[in-house]
C-alpha atoms as a PDB file:
ATOM      1  CA  GLN A   1     111.672  22.822   4.717  1.00  0.00           C
ATOM      2  CA  VAL A   2     109.819  19.506   5.068  1.00  0.00           C
ATOM      3  CA  PHE A   3     106.437  21.222   5.169  1.00  0.00           C
ATOM      4  CA  LYS A   4     107.445  23.672   2.420  1.00  0.00           C
ATOM      5  CA  SER A   5     108.515  20.992  -0.016  1.00  0.00           C
ATOM      6  CA  SER A   6     105.452  18.898   0.840  1.00  0.00           C
ATOM      7  CA  SER A   7     103.271  21.954   0.275  1.00  0.00           C
ATOM      8  CA  ASP A   8     104.950  22.572  -3.085  1.00  0.00           C
ATOM      9  CA  ILE A   9     103.888  19.071  -4.140  1.00  0.00           C
ATOM     10  CA  GLY A  10     100.364  19.590  -2.795  1.00  0.00           C
ATOM     11  CA  TYR A  11     100.342  17.506   0.386  1.00  0.00           C
ATOM     12  CA  PHE A  12      99.854  20.519   2.683  1.00  0.00           C
ATOM     13  CA  PRO A  13      98.051  23.882   2.268  1.00  0.00           C
ATOM     14  CA  ARG A  14      99.760  26.496   0.086  1.00  0.00           C
ATOM     15  CA  VAL A  15     100.412  28.755   3.094  1.00  0.00           C
ATOM     16  CA  PHE A  16     103.404  26.534   3.930  1.00  0.00           C
ATOM     17  CA  SER A  17     104.937  27.285   0.496  1.00  0.00           C
ATOM     18  CA  LYS A  18     105.201  31.035   1.095  1.00  0.00           C
ATOM     19  CA  VAL A  19     108.808  32.148   1.584  1.00  0.00           C
ATOM     20  CA  THR A  20     110.635  35.409   2.251  1.00  0.00           C
ATOM     21  CA  SER A  21     113.156  37.006  -0.085  1.00  0.00           C
ATOM     22  CA  LYS A  22     115.858  34.858   1.534  1.00  0.00           C
ATOM     23  CA  ASN A  23     113.851  31.659   0.836  1.00  0.00           C
ATOM     24  CA  ALA A  24     112.805  31.117   4.484  1.00  0.00           C
ATOM     25  CA  PRO A  25     109.294  29.714   5.112  1.00  0.00           C
ATOM     26  CA  ILE A  26     108.552  32.086   8.022  1.00  0.00           C
ATOM     27  CA  THR A  27     104.737  31.805   7.817  1.00  0.00           C
ATOM     28  CA  GLY A  28     104.838  28.018   8.034  1.00  0.00           C
ATOM     29  CA  MET A  29     107.315  28.118  10.915  1.00  0.00           C
ATOM     30  CA  ILE A  30     105.075  30.519  12.853  1.00  0.00           C
ATOM     31  CA  ILE A  31     102.003  28.318  12.263  1.00  0.00           C
ATOM     32  CA  LEU A  32     103.873  25.205  13.403  1.00  0.00           C
ATOM     33  CA  GLY A  33     105.331  27.034  16.414  1.00  0.00           C
ATOM     34  CA  VAL A  34     101.873  28.164  17.530  1.00  0.00           C
ATOM     35  CA  ALA A  35     100.489  24.636  17.062  1.00  0.00           C
ATOM     36  CA  GLN A  36     103.336  23.124  19.095  1.00  0.00           C
ATOM     37  CA  THR A  37     102.874  25.736  21.826  1.00  0.00           C
ATOM     38  CA  ILE A  38      99.173  24.934  22.067  1.00  0.00           C
ATOM     39  CA  LEU A  39      99.931  21.216  22.238  1.00  0.00           C
ATOM     40  CA  SER A  40     102.517  21.862  24.953  1.00  0.00           C
ATOM     41  CA  LEU A  41     100.084  23.926  27.002  1.00  0.00           C
ATOM     42  CA  MET A  42      97.522  21.117  26.747  1.00  0.00           C
ATOM     43  CA  THR A  43      99.900  18.830  28.671  1.00  0.00           C
ATOM     44  CA  ILE A  44     100.012  20.955  31.831  1.00  0.00           C
ATOM     45  CA  SER A  45      99.785  18.790  34.945  1.00  0.00           C
ATOM     46  CA  PRO A  46     100.335  19.418  38.671  1.00  0.00           C
ATOM     47  CA  SER A  47     103.344  17.123  38.882  1.00  0.00           C
ATOM     48  CA  LEU A  48     106.586  18.239  37.245  1.00  0.00           C
ATOM     49  CA  ASN A  49     107.490  14.622  36.488  1.00  0.00           C
ATOM     50  CA  ASN A  50     104.166  14.029  34.707  1.00  0.00           C
ATOM     51  CA  GLN A  51     104.616  17.293  32.802  1.00  0.00           C
ATOM     52  CA  PHE A  52     108.101  16.276  31.667  1.00  0.00           C
ATOM     53  CA  ASN A  53     106.930  12.805  30.584  1.00  0.00           C
ATOM     54  CA  SER A  54     104.036  14.312  28.637  1.00  0.00           C
ATOM     55  CA  LEU A  55     106.340  16.763  26.848  1.00  0.00           C
ATOM     56  CA  VAL A  56     108.816  14.002  25.994  1.00  0.00           C
ATOM     57  CA  ASN A  57     106.014  11.871  24.565  1.00  0.00           C
ATOM     58  CA  LEU A  58     104.709  14.861  22.604  1.00  0.00           C
ATOM     59  CA  ALA A  59     108.185  15.563  21.203  1.00  0.00           C
ATOM     60  CA  VAL A  60     108.577  11.947  20.118  1.00  0.00           C
ATOM     61  CA  VAL A  61     105.211  11.908  18.349  1.00  0.00           C
ATOM     62  CA  THR A  62     105.699  15.266  16.605  1.00  0.00           C
ATOM     63  CA  ASN A  63     109.163  14.236  15.402  1.00  0.00           C
ATOM     64  CA  LEU A  64     108.010  10.796  14.325  1.00  0.00           C
ATOM     65  CA  ILE A  65     105.370  12.083  11.902  1.00  0.00           C
ATOM     66  CA  PRO A  66     107.835  13.646   9.387  1.00  0.00           C
ATOM     67  CA  TYR A  67     109.936  10.465   9.440  1.00  0.00           C
ATOM     68  CA  ILE A  68     106.899   8.305   8.720  1.00  0.00           C
ATOM     69  CA  LEU A  69     105.861  10.627   5.885  1.00  0.00           C
ATOM     70  CA  SER A  70     109.407  10.493   4.492  1.00  0.00           C
ATOM     71  CA  MET A  71     109.444   6.699   4.600  1.00  0.00           C
ATOM     72  CA  ALA A  72     106.039   6.589   2.912  1.00  0.00           C
ATOM     73  CA  ALA A  73     107.381   8.836   0.149  1.00  0.00           C
ATOM     74  CA  LEU A  74     110.169   6.357  -0.609  1.00  0.00           C
ATOM     75  CA  ILE A  75     107.771   3.912  -2.266  1.00  0.00           C
ATOM     76  CA  PRO A  76     106.642   6.317  -5.038  1.00  0.00           C
ATOM     77  CA  MET A  77     110.214   7.601  -5.393  1.00  0.00           C
ATOM     78  CA  HIS A  78     111.536   4.086  -6.031  1.00  0.00           C
ATOM     79  CA  ARG A  79     108.879   3.535  -8.682  1.00  0.00           C
ATOM     80  CA  LEU A  80     110.163   6.588 -10.587  1.00  0.00           C
ATOM     81  CA  TYR A  81     113.730   5.386 -10.807  1.00  0.00           C
END
């Protein structure tokens, strides 16, 4: 829903705004799932420990981006109220 609502405002491409009849953004979820899978496959290493550390770092970065965008959105929201 983060990408859908951001797409509704115009921050992301309109493809993330498309929803099914039950209001689920399936197209956006598939695009993000493919992107995350590609990023995960790019971290393949011969050592299982290195692979795990790379995936943990990737998870932290990909989860940090929506939080940073949310915090950045607080400034304009506070100006409105």
